[in-house]
Amino acid sequence: MRTTNVHDQVLRAALDLFATQGYATTSVQEIVAAAGVTKGAMYHYFASKDDLLFAIYERMLSLQKARLDRLVAEGAARGDGVEDVLRAVCEDVVTTSIELLAEGTVYTRSQHMLAPERQAEVKRRRRAYHDDFQALLERGITEGVFRDDVPPAVLIAHFFSDVHYLPQWYSPAGPETTAELAEQLTELFLRGIRAERPATNPSGGRAK
């Protein structure tokens, strides 16, 4: 006999409803009806709508942090340069943000509606990701690969503003594939943060 995962059914139904009609205007009854389960079954896994909202964020944050950790570790094992590692990380966060576009939509609209302790936990988790991202930027600055005239915090805000804005304009029906868009946004970012190289004259020396 085929079994169903009530936890995932409820979470998927909540995600769809929160993304399309908003967290505040979605009732528990609508969620269980969309999931095809009883309230008792839902409350076995989630004590409240707040639990559901946090679970949506937690899935996205956990996935992206785990992938960042893996990409950094793999890059270190191969001896990759810092720009290659940062490129892989940036392309990945764009790709996963598109794959989790509904989660991103809910995050943008409803993060402030979480209970205060949950908001603090989301901020802590996001800060952990940004700290690792910043470590790559600072390594690149130290190595002379990235520009040093703009604070890393500003560079991070510059990149993630594009990522966080994806739910407002991106459409899977657009002309670019996910991989192409990830590559384009990443290359635009990297071009903006690369350290300027001294100009050279035709003979190969520095220009006067």
N, C-alpha and C. Protein backbone atom coordinates (compact mmCIF):
# COMPACT_ATOMS: atom_id res chain seq x y z
N MET A 1 0.85 -1.21 0.00
CA MET A 1 0.00 0.00 0.00
C MET A 1 0.88 1.24 0.00
N ARG A 2 0.54 2.24 -0.77
CA ARG A 2 1.33 3.45 -0.87
C ARG A 2 1.14 4.30 0.38
N THR A 3 2.24 4.74 0.95
CA THR A 3 2.18 5.59 2.12
C THR A 3 2.43 7.04 1.70
N THR A 4 1.95 7.97 2.51
CA THR A 4 2.16 9.39 2.22
C THR A 4 2.92 10.03 3.36
N ASN A 5 3.64 11.06 3.06
CA ASN A 5 4.40 11.80 4.06
C ASN A 5 3.59 13.03 4.45
N VAL A 6 2.90 12.92 5.58
CA VAL A 6 2.01 14.00 6.01
C VAL A 6 2.80 15.28 6.25
N HIS A 7 3.97 15.16 6.86
CA HIS A 7 4.81 16.32 7.13
C HIS A 7 5.06 17.11 5.84
N ASP A 8 5.49 16.41 4.79
CA ASP A 8 5.81 17.09 3.53
C ASP A 8 4.55 17.61 2.83
N GLN A 9 3.44 16.87 2.93
CA GLN A 9 2.19 17.33 2.33
C GLN A 9 1.75 18.65 2.93
N VAL A 10 1.81 18.73 4.24
CA VAL A 10 1.38 19.95 4.94
C VAL A 10 2.31 21.11 4.61
N LEU A 11 3.61 20.83 4.62
CA LEU A 11 4.59 21.88 4.36
C LEU A 11 4.45 22.41 2.93
N ARG A 12 4.24 21.52 1.97
CA ARG A 12 4.06 21.94 0.59
C ARG A 12 2.79 22.76 0.42
N ALA A 13 1.72 22.34 1.05
CA ALA A 13 0.46 23.08 0.97
C ALA A 13 0.61 24.47 1.58
N ALA A 14 1.26 24.54 2.73
CA ALA A 14 1.48 25.84 3.38
C ALA A 14 2.34 26.74 2.51
N LEU A 15 3.40 26.19 1.93
CA LEU A 15 4.28 26.98 1.06
C LEU A 15 3.50 27.55 -0.12
N ASP A 16 2.72 26.72 -0.78
CA ASP A 16 1.95 27.18 -1.93
C ASP A 16 0.97 28.29 -1.55
N LEU A 17 0.28 28.11 -0.44
CA LEU A 17 -0.71 29.10 -0.01
C LEU A 17 -0.05 30.38 0.47
N PHE A 18 1.02 30.26 1.25
CA PHE A 18 1.72 31.46 1.73
C PHE A 18 2.28 32.27 0.56
N ALA A 19 2.77 31.56 -0.47
CA ALA A 19 3.37 32.25 -1.62
C ALA A 19 2.32 32.92 -2.50
N THR A 20 1.14 32.30 -2.61
CA THR A 20 0.14 32.83 -3.54
C THR A 20 -0.83 33.81 -2.90
N GLN A 21 -1.20 33.57 -1.63
CA GLN A 21 -2.21 34.45 -1.03
C GLN A 21 -1.74 35.13 0.25
N GLY A 22 -0.52 34.81 0.69
CA GLY A 22 0.03 35.49 1.86
C GLY A 22 -0.12 34.69 3.14
N TYR A 23 0.85 34.86 4.02
CA TYR A 23 0.85 34.14 5.30
C TYR A 23 -0.31 34.59 6.20
N ALA A 24 -0.47 35.89 6.34
CA ALA A 24 -1.46 36.41 7.28
C ALA A 24 -2.88 36.02 6.92
N THR A 25 -3.16 35.89 5.62
CA THR A 25 -4.54 35.62 5.19
C THR A 25 -4.80 34.13 4.97
N THR A 26 -3.84 33.29 5.26
CA THR A 26 -4.03 31.84 5.11
C THR A 26 -4.38 31.22 6.45
N SER A 27 -5.44 30.46 6.49
CA SER A 27 -5.87 29.83 7.74
C SER A 27 -5.35 28.40 7.81
N VAL A 28 -5.32 27.89 9.02
CA VAL A 28 -4.93 26.49 9.23
C VAL A 28 -5.89 25.57 8.48
N GLN A 29 -7.17 25.91 8.48
CA GLN A 29 -8.15 25.08 7.80
C GLN A 29 -7.85 24.99 6.31
N GLU A 30 -7.45 26.11 5.70
CA GLU A 30 -7.09 26.09 4.28
C GLU A 30 -5.87 25.20 4.03
N ILE A 31 -4.93 25.24 4.94
CA ILE A 31 -3.72 24.44 4.77
C ILE A 31 -4.04 22.96 4.82
N VAL A 32 -4.81 22.54 5.83
CA VAL A 32 -5.09 21.10 5.95
C VAL A 32 -5.99 20.64 4.81
N ALA A 33 -6.88 21.52 4.35
CA ALA A 33 -7.73 21.14 3.22
C ALA A 33 -6.88 20.95 1.96
N ALA A 34 -5.95 21.85 1.72
CA ALA A 34 -5.09 21.73 0.55
C ALA A 34 -4.17 20.51 0.65
N ALA A 35 -3.76 20.19 1.87
CA ALA A 35 -2.87 19.04 2.08
C ALA A 35 -3.63 17.72 2.07
N GLY A 36 -4.95 17.78 2.26
CA GLY A 36 -5.74 16.56 2.31
C GLY A 36 -5.55 15.77 3.59
N VAL A 37 -5.33 16.49 4.70
CA VAL A 37 -5.13 15.83 5.99
C VAL A 37 -6.04 16.49 7.02
N THR A 38 -6.08 15.93 8.21
CA THR A 38 -6.86 16.52 9.28
C THR A 38 -6.00 17.50 10.08
N LYS A 39 -6.66 18.34 10.86
CA LYS A 39 -5.91 19.25 11.72
C LYS A 39 -5.07 18.47 12.72
N GLY A 40 -5.61 17.37 13.21
CA GLY A 40 -4.86 16.55 14.15
C GLY A 40 -3.57 16.03 13.54
N ALA A 41 -3.64 15.63 12.27
CA ALA A 41 -2.44 15.14 11.59
C ALA A 41 -1.42 16.26 11.43
N MET A 42 -1.90 17.46 11.09
CA MET A 42 -0.98 18.59 10.96
C MET A 42 -0.33 18.92 12.29
N TYR A 43 -1.13 18.99 13.35
CA TYR A 43 -0.59 19.38 14.65
C TYR A 43 0.34 18.33 15.23
N HIS A 44 0.33 17.15 14.67
CA HIS A 44 1.31 16.13 15.09
C HIS A 44 2.72 16.56 14.71
N TYR A 45 2.84 17.34 13.63
CA TYR A 45 4.15 17.77 13.14
C TYR A 45 4.41 19.26 13.37
N PHE A 46 3.37 20.07 13.32
CA PHE A 46 3.53 21.51 13.43
C PHE A 46 2.53 22.05 14.44
N ALA A 47 3.04 22.74 15.46
CA ALA A 47 2.16 23.22 16.52
C ALA A 47 1.38 24.47 16.12
N SER A 48 1.84 25.15 15.05
CA SER A 48 1.22 26.42 14.68
C SER A 48 1.63 26.81 13.26
N LYS A 49 0.98 27.86 12.76
CA LYS A 49 1.41 28.43 11.48
C LYS A 49 2.85 28.94 11.58
N ASP A 50 3.22 29.46 12.74
CA ASP A 50 4.59 29.95 12.92
C ASP A 50 5.59 28.83 12.72
N ASP A 51 5.27 27.64 13.19
CA ASP A 51 6.13 26.47 12.97
C ASP A 51 6.30 26.20 11.47
N LEU A 52 5.20 26.30 10.74
CA LEU A 52 5.25 26.07 9.30
C LEU A 52 6.10 27.12 8.59
N LEU A 53 5.91 28.38 8.97
CA LEU A 53 6.67 29.45 8.34
C LEU A 53 8.16 29.27 8.60
N PHE A 54 8.51 28.94 9.83
CA PHE A 54 9.92 28.74 10.16
C PHE A 54 10.49 27.53 9.42
N ALA A 55 9.71 26.48 9.30
CA ALA A 55 10.18 25.28 8.60
C ALA A 55 10.50 25.58 7.14
N ILE A 56 9.73 26.47 6.52
CA ILE A 56 9.99 26.86 5.14
C ILE A 56 11.34 27.56 5.05
N TYR A 57 11.59 28.49 5.96
CA TYR A 57 12.88 29.19 5.95
C TYR A 57 14.02 28.23 6.28
N GLU A 58 13.78 27.37 7.25
CA GLU A 58 14.84 26.47 7.72
C GLU A 58 15.33 25.58 6.59
N ARG A 59 14.42 25.11 5.76
CA ARG A 59 14.80 24.25 4.64
C ARG A 59 15.71 25.00 3.68
N MET A 60 15.35 26.23 3.35
CA MET A 60 16.14 27.02 2.42
C MET A 60 17.50 27.37 3.01
N LEU A 61 17.52 27.83 4.25
CA LEU A 61 18.77 28.23 4.88
C LEU A 61 19.72 27.04 5.05
N SER A 62 19.18 25.90 5.46
CA SER A 62 20.02 24.72 5.68
C SER A 62 20.63 24.23 4.39
N LEU A 63 19.82 24.20 3.33
CA LEU A 63 20.31 23.71 2.05
C LEU A 63 21.43 24.61 1.53
N GLN A 64 21.22 25.91 1.54
CA GLN A 64 22.22 26.81 0.97
C GLN A 64 23.51 26.81 1.80
N LYS A 65 23.40 26.73 3.12
CA LYS A 65 24.60 26.69 3.96
C LYS A 65 25.38 25.40 3.74
N ALA A 66 24.67 24.28 3.63
CA ALA A 66 25.35 23.00 3.41
C ALA A 66 26.07 22.99 2.07
N ARG A 67 25.46 23.58 1.05
CA ARG A 67 26.08 23.62 -0.27
C ARG A 67 27.27 24.57 -0.28
N LEU A 68 27.18 25.69 0.42
CA LEU A 68 28.32 26.59 0.52
C LEU A 68 29.50 25.87 1.19
N ASP A 69 29.23 25.21 2.31
CA ASP A 69 30.30 24.49 3.01
C ASP A 69 30.96 23.45 2.10
N ARG A 70 30.14 22.75 1.33
CA ARG A 70 30.69 21.72 0.43
C ARG A 70 31.53 22.34 -0.67
N LEU A 71 31.07 23.42 -1.26
CA LEU A 71 31.81 24.06 -2.35
C LEU A 71 33.14 24.62 -1.86
N VAL A 72 33.15 25.22 -0.68
CA VAL A 72 34.40 25.74 -0.12
C VAL A 72 35.37 24.61 0.18
N ALA A 73 34.86 23.52 0.76
CA ALA A 73 35.72 22.38 1.08
C ALA A 73 36.28 21.74 -0.19
N GLU A 74 35.45 21.59 -1.21
CA GLU A 74 35.91 21.00 -2.46
C GLU A 74 36.94 21.89 -3.15
N GLY A 75 36.70 23.20 -3.10
CA GLY A 75 37.66 24.12 -3.69
C GLY A 75 39.00 24.07 -2.99
N ALA A 76 38.97 23.98 -1.66
CA ALA A 76 40.22 23.89 -0.90
C ALA A 76 40.96 22.60 -1.22
N ALA A 77 40.22 21.51 -1.37
CA ALA A 77 40.84 20.21 -1.66
C ALA A 77 41.51 20.22 -3.03
N ARG A 78 40.96 20.96 -3.97
CA ARG A 78 41.53 21.03 -5.32
C ARG A 78 42.59 22.12 -5.45
N GLY A 79 42.68 22.98 -4.44
CA GLY A 79 43.60 24.09 -4.53
C GLY A 79 43.12 25.20 -5.44
N ASP A 80 41.81 25.35 -5.58
CA ASP A 80 41.25 26.38 -6.46
C ASP A 80 41.56 27.78 -5.95
N GLY A 81 41.69 28.72 -6.87
CA GLY A 81 41.85 30.11 -6.49
C GLY A 81 40.57 30.65 -5.89
N VAL A 82 40.69 31.74 -5.14
CA VAL A 82 39.55 32.27 -4.41
C VAL A 82 38.44 32.73 -5.36
N GLU A 83 38.80 33.28 -6.53
CA GLU A 83 37.75 33.72 -7.44
C GLU A 83 36.96 32.53 -7.99
N ASP A 84 37.63 31.42 -8.26
CA ASP A 84 36.93 30.23 -8.74
C ASP A 84 35.97 29.71 -7.68
N VAL A 85 36.40 29.73 -6.42
CA VAL A 85 35.53 29.25 -5.34
C VAL A 85 34.33 30.19 -5.19
N LEU A 86 34.59 31.50 -5.19
CA LEU A 86 33.50 32.45 -5.04
C LEU A 86 32.53 32.37 -6.22
N ARG A 87 33.06 32.15 -7.41
CA ARG A 87 32.19 31.98 -8.58
C ARG A 87 31.23 30.80 -8.37
N ALA A 88 31.77 29.67 -7.93
CA ALA A 88 30.94 28.49 -7.71
C ALA A 88 29.88 28.75 -6.65
N VAL A 89 30.27 29.46 -5.58
CA VAL A 89 29.32 29.77 -4.51
C VAL A 89 28.22 30.70 -5.00
N CYS A 90 28.60 31.74 -5.75
CA CYS A 90 27.61 32.69 -6.25
C CYS A 90 26.63 32.03 -7.22
N GLU A 91 27.16 31.24 -8.14
CA GLU A 91 26.28 30.56 -9.09
C GLU A 91 25.34 29.60 -8.36
N ASP A 92 25.86 28.97 -7.31
CA ASP A 92 25.02 28.03 -6.56
C ASP A 92 23.89 28.75 -5.83
N VAL A 93 24.18 29.88 -5.20
CA VAL A 93 23.13 30.55 -4.44
C VAL A 93 22.06 31.12 -5.37
N VAL A 94 22.46 31.54 -6.57
CA VAL A 94 21.45 31.98 -7.55
C VAL A 94 20.61 30.79 -7.99
N THR A 95 21.27 29.68 -8.30
CA THR A 95 20.56 28.49 -8.75
C THR A 95 19.58 27.98 -7.70
N THR A 96 20.04 27.85 -6.46
CA THR A 96 19.16 27.33 -5.41
C THR A 96 18.04 28.32 -5.08
N SER A 97 18.32 29.61 -5.22
CA SER A 97 17.27 30.61 -4.97
C SER A 97 16.18 30.51 -6.02
N ILE A 98 16.55 30.18 -7.26
CA ILE A 98 15.54 29.98 -8.30
C ILE A 98 14.78 28.68 -8.06
N GLU A 99 15.50 27.63 -7.68
CA GLU A 99 14.85 26.36 -7.39
C GLU A 99 13.88 26.49 -6.21
N LEU A 100 14.20 27.38 -5.29
CA LEU A 100 13.37 27.60 -4.10
C LEU A 100 12.69 28.97 -4.18
N LEU A 101 12.20 29.29 -5.37
CA LEU A 101 11.63 30.62 -5.60
C LEU A 101 10.41 30.87 -4.71
N ALA A 102 9.59 29.86 -4.51
CA ALA A 102 8.42 30.04 -3.65
C ALA A 102 8.84 30.34 -2.22
N GLU A 103 9.88 29.62 -1.75
CA GLU A 103 10.39 29.89 -0.40
C GLU A 103 10.91 31.31 -0.30
N GLY A 104 11.61 31.77 -1.35
CA GLY A 104 12.12 33.12 -1.35
C GLY A 104 11.01 34.16 -1.35
N THR A 105 9.94 33.87 -2.06
CA THR A 105 8.79 34.78 -2.08
C THR A 105 8.19 34.90 -0.68
N VAL A 106 8.02 33.77 -0.03
CA VAL A 106 7.46 33.78 1.32
C VAL A 106 8.39 34.52 2.27
N TYR A 107 9.69 34.27 2.14
CA TYR A 107 10.67 34.93 3.02
C TYR A 107 10.57 36.44 2.87
N THR A 108 10.57 36.92 1.62
CA THR A 108 10.55 38.36 1.38
C THR A 108 9.31 39.01 1.99
N ARG A 109 8.18 38.34 1.89
CA ARG A 109 6.92 38.95 2.32
C ARG A 109 6.61 38.76 3.80
N SER A 110 7.10 37.67 4.40
CA SER A 110 6.54 37.26 5.69
C SER A 110 7.54 37.05 6.81
N GLN A 111 8.83 37.27 6.56
CA GLN A 111 9.82 37.00 7.60
C GLN A 111 9.53 37.79 8.88
N HIS A 112 9.04 39.01 8.72
CA HIS A 112 8.78 39.86 9.88
C HIS A 112 7.61 39.37 10.72
N MET A 113 6.84 38.39 10.21
CA MET A 113 5.69 37.88 10.94
C MET A 113 6.03 36.71 11.85
N LEU A 114 7.26 36.22 11.78
CA LEU A 114 7.69 35.16 12.68
C LEU A 114 7.71 35.67 14.12
N ALA A 115 7.58 34.73 15.06
CA ALA A 115 7.75 35.08 16.47
C ALA A 115 9.16 35.64 16.67
N PRO A 116 9.36 36.56 17.61
CA PRO A 116 10.66 37.21 17.78
C PRO A 116 11.83 36.25 17.90
N GLU A 117 11.67 35.17 18.66
CA GLU A 117 12.78 34.23 18.80
C GLU A 117 13.10 33.53 17.50
N ARG A 118 12.09 33.30 16.68
CA ARG A 118 12.32 32.67 15.38
C ARG A 118 12.98 33.67 14.42
N GLN A 119 12.57 34.93 14.50
CA GLN A 119 13.24 35.94 13.68
C GLN A 119 14.71 36.02 14.02
N ALA A 120 15.03 35.94 15.31
CA ALA A 120 16.43 35.99 15.73
C ALA A 120 17.20 34.79 15.20
N GLU A 121 16.56 33.63 15.19
CA GLU A 121 17.23 32.42 14.68
C GLU A 121 17.47 32.51 13.18
N VAL A 122 16.50 33.03 12.43
CA VAL A 122 16.68 33.21 10.99
C VAL A 122 17.84 34.16 10.73
N LYS A 123 17.90 35.26 11.47
CA LYS A 123 18.99 36.22 11.30
C LYS A 123 20.34 35.58 11.63
N ARG A 124 20.37 34.76 12.69
CA ARG A 124 21.62 34.08 13.05
C ARG A 124 22.07 33.15 11.95
N ARG A 125 21.14 32.41 11.38
CA ARG A 125 21.49 31.47 10.32
C ARG A 125 21.96 32.20 9.06
N ARG A 126 21.31 33.28 8.73
CA ARG A 126 21.72 34.07 7.58
C ARG A 126 23.08 34.70 7.82
N ARG A 127 23.32 35.13 9.05
CA ARG A 127 24.61 35.72 9.38
C ARG A 127 25.73 34.70 9.24
N ALA A 128 25.46 33.45 9.60
CA ALA A 128 26.48 32.40 9.46
C ALA A 128 26.86 32.22 8.00
N TYR A 129 25.86 32.27 7.12
CA TYR A 129 26.14 32.15 5.68
C TYR A 129 26.95 33.36 5.21
N HIS A 130 26.51 34.55 5.58
CA HIS A 130 27.19 35.76 5.14
C HIS A 130 28.62 35.84 5.68
N ASP A 131 28.85 35.34 6.89
CA ASP A 131 30.20 35.35 7.46
C ASP A 131 31.15 34.50 6.62
N ASP A 132 30.68 33.34 6.17
CA ASP A 132 31.51 32.48 5.33
C ASP A 132 31.72 33.11 3.95
N PHE A 133 30.69 33.75 3.43
CA PHE A 133 30.81 34.46 2.15
C PHE A 133 31.82 35.60 2.28
N GLN A 134 31.72 36.33 3.39
CA GLN A 134 32.64 37.44 3.62
C GLN A 134 34.07 36.95 3.76
N ALA A 135 34.26 35.77 4.35
CA ALA A 135 35.62 35.23 4.50
C ALA A 135 36.27 35.01 3.13
N LEU A 136 35.48 34.59 2.15
CA LEU A 136 36.01 34.44 0.80
C LEU A 136 36.39 35.80 0.21
N LEU A 137 35.53 36.79 0.39
CA LEU A 137 35.84 38.13 -0.10
C LEU A 137 37.12 38.66 0.54
N GLU A 138 37.23 38.51 1.85
CA GLU A 138 38.40 39.04 2.55
C GLU A 138 39.67 38.31 2.14
N ARG A 139 39.57 37.01 1.89
CA ARG A 139 40.73 36.28 1.37
C ARG A 139 41.15 36.85 0.02
N GLY A 140 40.16 37.09 -0.85
CA GLY A 140 40.47 37.64 -2.16
C GLY A 140 41.07 39.03 -2.08
N ILE A 141 40.60 39.85 -1.13
CA ILE A 141 41.16 41.19 -0.95
C ILE A 141 42.61 41.08 -0.48
N THR A 142 42.85 40.21 0.48
CA THR A 142 44.21 40.01 0.99
C THR A 142 45.16 39.55 -0.10
N GLU A 143 44.67 38.70 -0.99
CA GLU A 143 45.50 38.17 -2.07
C GLU A 143 45.61 39.12 -3.26
N GLY A 144 44.92 40.25 -3.19
CA GLY A 144 44.98 41.21 -4.28
C GLY A 144 44.11 40.86 -5.46
N VAL A 145 43.22 39.91 -5.28
CA VAL A 145 42.32 39.49 -6.37
C VAL A 145 41.11 40.42 -6.44
N PHE A 146 40.58 40.82 -5.29
CA PHE A 146 39.39 41.67 -5.24
C PHE A 146 39.76 43.06 -4.75
N ARG A 147 38.97 44.02 -5.15
CA ARG A 147 39.20 45.42 -4.80
C ARG A 147 39.13 45.62 -3.29
N ASP A 148 39.91 46.58 -2.81
CA ASP A 148 39.95 46.83 -1.38
C ASP A 148 39.41 48.21 -1.00
N ASP A 149 38.79 48.90 -1.97
CA ASP A 149 38.29 50.25 -1.71
C ASP A 149 36.82 50.28 -1.31
N VAL A 150 36.19 49.10 -1.27
CA VAL A 150 34.78 49.00 -0.86
C VAL A 150 34.70 47.97 0.26
N PRO A 151 34.04 48.29 1.39
CA PRO A 151 33.95 47.33 2.49
C PRO A 151 33.25 46.04 2.06
N PRO A 152 33.71 44.89 2.58
CA PRO A 152 33.07 43.62 2.23
C PRO A 152 31.56 43.61 2.48
N ALA A 153 31.12 44.28 3.53
CA ALA A 153 29.68 44.31 3.82
C ALA A 153 28.89 44.93 2.67
N VAL A 154 29.47 45.93 2.03
CA VAL A 154 28.80 46.58 0.90
C VAL A 154 28.79 45.64 -0.31
N LEU A 155 29.90 44.93 -0.52
CA LEU A 155 29.96 43.97 -1.63
C LEU A 155 28.93 42.87 -1.44
N ILE A 156 28.78 42.41 -0.21
CA ILE A 156 27.80 41.36 0.08
C ILE A 156 26.39 41.87 -0.17
N ALA A 157 26.10 43.08 0.31
CA ALA A 157 24.77 43.65 0.09
C ALA A 157 24.49 43.82 -1.40
N HIS A 158 25.51 44.19 -2.15
CA HIS A 158 25.36 44.36 -3.60
C HIS A 158 24.95 43.06 -4.27
N PHE A 159 25.63 41.98 -3.94
CA PHE A 159 25.32 40.69 -4.58
C PHE A 159 23.95 40.17 -4.14
N PHE A 160 23.70 40.17 -2.84
CA PHE A 160 22.48 39.53 -2.35
C PHE A 160 21.23 40.37 -2.62
N SER A 161 21.40 41.64 -2.92
CA SER A 161 20.22 42.42 -3.33
C SER A 161 19.66 41.86 -4.63
N ASP A 162 20.54 41.44 -5.54
CA ASP A 162 20.08 40.80 -6.78
C ASP A 162 19.39 39.48 -6.49
N VAL A 163 19.98 38.70 -5.60
CA VAL A 163 19.41 37.38 -5.26
C VAL A 163 18.04 37.53 -4.62
N HIS A 164 17.93 38.43 -3.66
CA HIS A 164 16.67 38.59 -2.94
C HIS A 164 15.57 39.19 -3.80
N TYR A 165 15.95 39.86 -4.89
CA TYR A 165 14.97 40.47 -5.78
C TYR A 165 14.43 39.49 -6.82
N LEU A 166 15.04 38.31 -6.92
CA LEU A 166 14.61 37.34 -7.93
C LEU A 166 13.11 37.05 -7.90
N PRO A 167 12.50 36.85 -6.73
CA PRO A 167 11.06 36.53 -6.73
C PRO A 167 10.20 37.62 -7.34
N GLN A 168 10.74 38.85 -7.44
CA GLN A 168 9.95 39.96 -7.95
C GLN A 168 9.89 40.00 -9.48
N TRP A 169 10.86 39.35 -10.14
CA TRP A 169 10.90 39.50 -11.60
C TRP A 169 11.18 38.22 -12.37
N TYR A 170 11.81 37.23 -11.72
CA TYR A 170 12.21 36.04 -12.48
C TYR A 170 11.01 35.19 -12.87
N SER A 171 11.05 34.67 -14.09
CA SER A 171 10.03 33.75 -14.57
C SER A 171 10.70 32.57 -15.26
N PRO A 172 10.30 31.35 -14.91
CA PRO A 172 10.87 30.17 -15.59
C PRO A 172 10.61 30.20 -17.10
N ALA A 173 9.64 30.98 -17.54
CA ALA A 173 9.33 31.07 -18.97
C ALA A 173 10.25 32.03 -19.72
N GLY A 174 11.17 32.66 -19.00
CA GLY A 174 12.08 33.61 -19.63
C GLY A 174 13.06 32.92 -20.57
N PRO A 175 13.82 33.72 -21.34
CA PRO A 175 14.70 33.14 -22.36
C PRO A 175 15.94 32.44 -21.79
N GLU A 176 16.41 32.84 -20.60
CA GLU A 176 17.61 32.24 -20.05
C GLU A 176 17.29 31.03 -19.20
N THR A 177 18.16 30.03 -19.27
CA THR A 177 18.05 28.90 -18.36
C THR A 177 18.53 29.34 -16.98
N THR A 178 18.25 28.52 -15.98
CA THR A 178 18.73 28.83 -14.63
C THR A 178 20.25 28.94 -14.61
N ALA A 179 20.93 28.02 -15.27
CA ALA A 179 22.39 28.04 -15.29
C ALA A 179 22.92 29.29 -15.97
N GLU A 180 22.29 29.70 -17.06
CA GLU A 180 22.73 30.90 -17.77
C GLU A 180 22.56 32.15 -16.91
N LEU A 181 21.42 32.25 -16.25
CA LEU A 181 21.17 33.41 -15.40
C LEU A 181 22.15 33.44 -14.24
N ALA A 182 22.40 32.29 -13.63
CA ALA A 182 23.35 32.23 -12.52
C ALA A 182 24.73 32.67 -12.98
N GLU A 183 25.13 32.25 -14.16
CA GLU A 183 26.43 32.63 -14.71
C GLU A 183 26.48 34.13 -14.99
N GLN A 184 25.41 34.68 -15.55
CA GLN A 184 25.38 36.10 -15.90
C GLN A 184 25.45 36.99 -14.66
N LEU A 185 24.61 36.71 -13.66
CA LEU A 185 24.61 37.52 -12.45
C LEU A 185 25.95 37.41 -11.72
N THR A 186 26.51 36.22 -11.71
CA THR A 186 27.79 36.02 -11.04
C THR A 186 28.91 36.78 -11.74
N GLU A 187 28.94 36.71 -13.07
CA GLU A 187 29.99 37.40 -13.80
C GLU A 187 29.88 38.92 -13.63
N LEU A 188 28.67 39.45 -13.62
CA LEU A 188 28.49 40.88 -13.39
C LEU A 188 29.04 41.27 -12.01
N PHE A 189 28.77 40.45 -11.01
CA PHE A 189 29.26 40.72 -9.66
C PHE A 189 30.79 40.66 -9.61
N LEU A 190 31.36 39.60 -10.17
CA LEU A 190 32.82 39.43 -10.11
C LEU A 190 33.54 40.54 -10.88
N ARG A 191 33.00 40.97 -11.99
CA ARG A 191 33.62 42.08 -12.73
C ARG A 191 33.66 43.34 -11.87
N GLY A 192 32.64 43.53 -11.07
CA GLY A 192 32.58 44.72 -10.24
C GLY A 192 33.50 44.70 -9.04
N ILE A 193 33.95 43.52 -8.61
CA ILE A 193 34.77 43.46 -7.39
C ILE A 193 36.22 43.12 -7.67
N ARG A 194 36.57 42.81 -8.92
CA ARG A 194 37.97 42.48 -9.21
C ARG A 194 38.86 43.70 -8.99
N ALA A 195 40.06 43.44 -8.48
CA ALA A 195 41.04 44.51 -8.30
C ALA A 195 41.50 44.99 -9.67
N GLU A 196 41.71 46.28 -9.79
CA GLU A 196 42.20 46.83 -11.04
C GLU A 196 43.65 46.42 -11.25
N ARG A 197 43.97 46.02 -12.47
CA ARG A 197 45.34 45.64 -12.79
C ARG A 197 46.06 46.83 -13.41
N PRO A 198 47.35 47.00 -13.12
CA PRO A 198 48.09 48.11 -13.73
C PRO A 198 48.09 47.99 -15.25
N ALA A 199 47.90 49.10 -15.92
CA ALA A 199 47.96 49.10 -17.38
C ALA A 199 49.37 48.78 -17.84
N THR A 200 49.52 48.14 -18.99
CA THR A 200 50.83 47.79 -19.52
C THR A 200 51.00 48.43 -20.89
N ASN A 201 52.28 48.70 -21.24
CA ASN A 201 52.53 49.22 -22.56
C ASN A 201 52.75 48.07 -23.53
N PRO A 202 52.82 48.28 -24.82
CA PRO A 202 52.92 47.18 -25.77
C PRO A 202 54.11 46.27 -25.56
N SER A 203 55.19 46.79 -24.93
CA SER A 203 56.37 45.96 -24.71
C SER A 203 56.23 45.08 -23.49
N GLY A 204 55.15 45.23 -22.78
CA GLY A 204 54.88 44.37 -21.64
C GLY A 204 55.15 45.02 -20.31
N GLY A 205 55.76 46.21 -20.28
CA GLY A 205 56.03 46.89 -19.02
C GLY A 205 54.84 47.72 -18.59
N ARG A 206 54.93 48.28 -17.42
CA ARG A 206 53.86 49.14 -16.92
C ARG A 206 53.83 50.44 -17.70
N ALA A 207 52.63 50.93 -17.94
CA ALA A 207 52.50 52.22 -18.61
C ALA A 207 52.96 53.32 -17.69
N LYS A 208 53.59 54.33 -18.25
CA LYS A 208 54.06 55.46 -17.46
C LYS A 208 52.89 56.37 -17.11
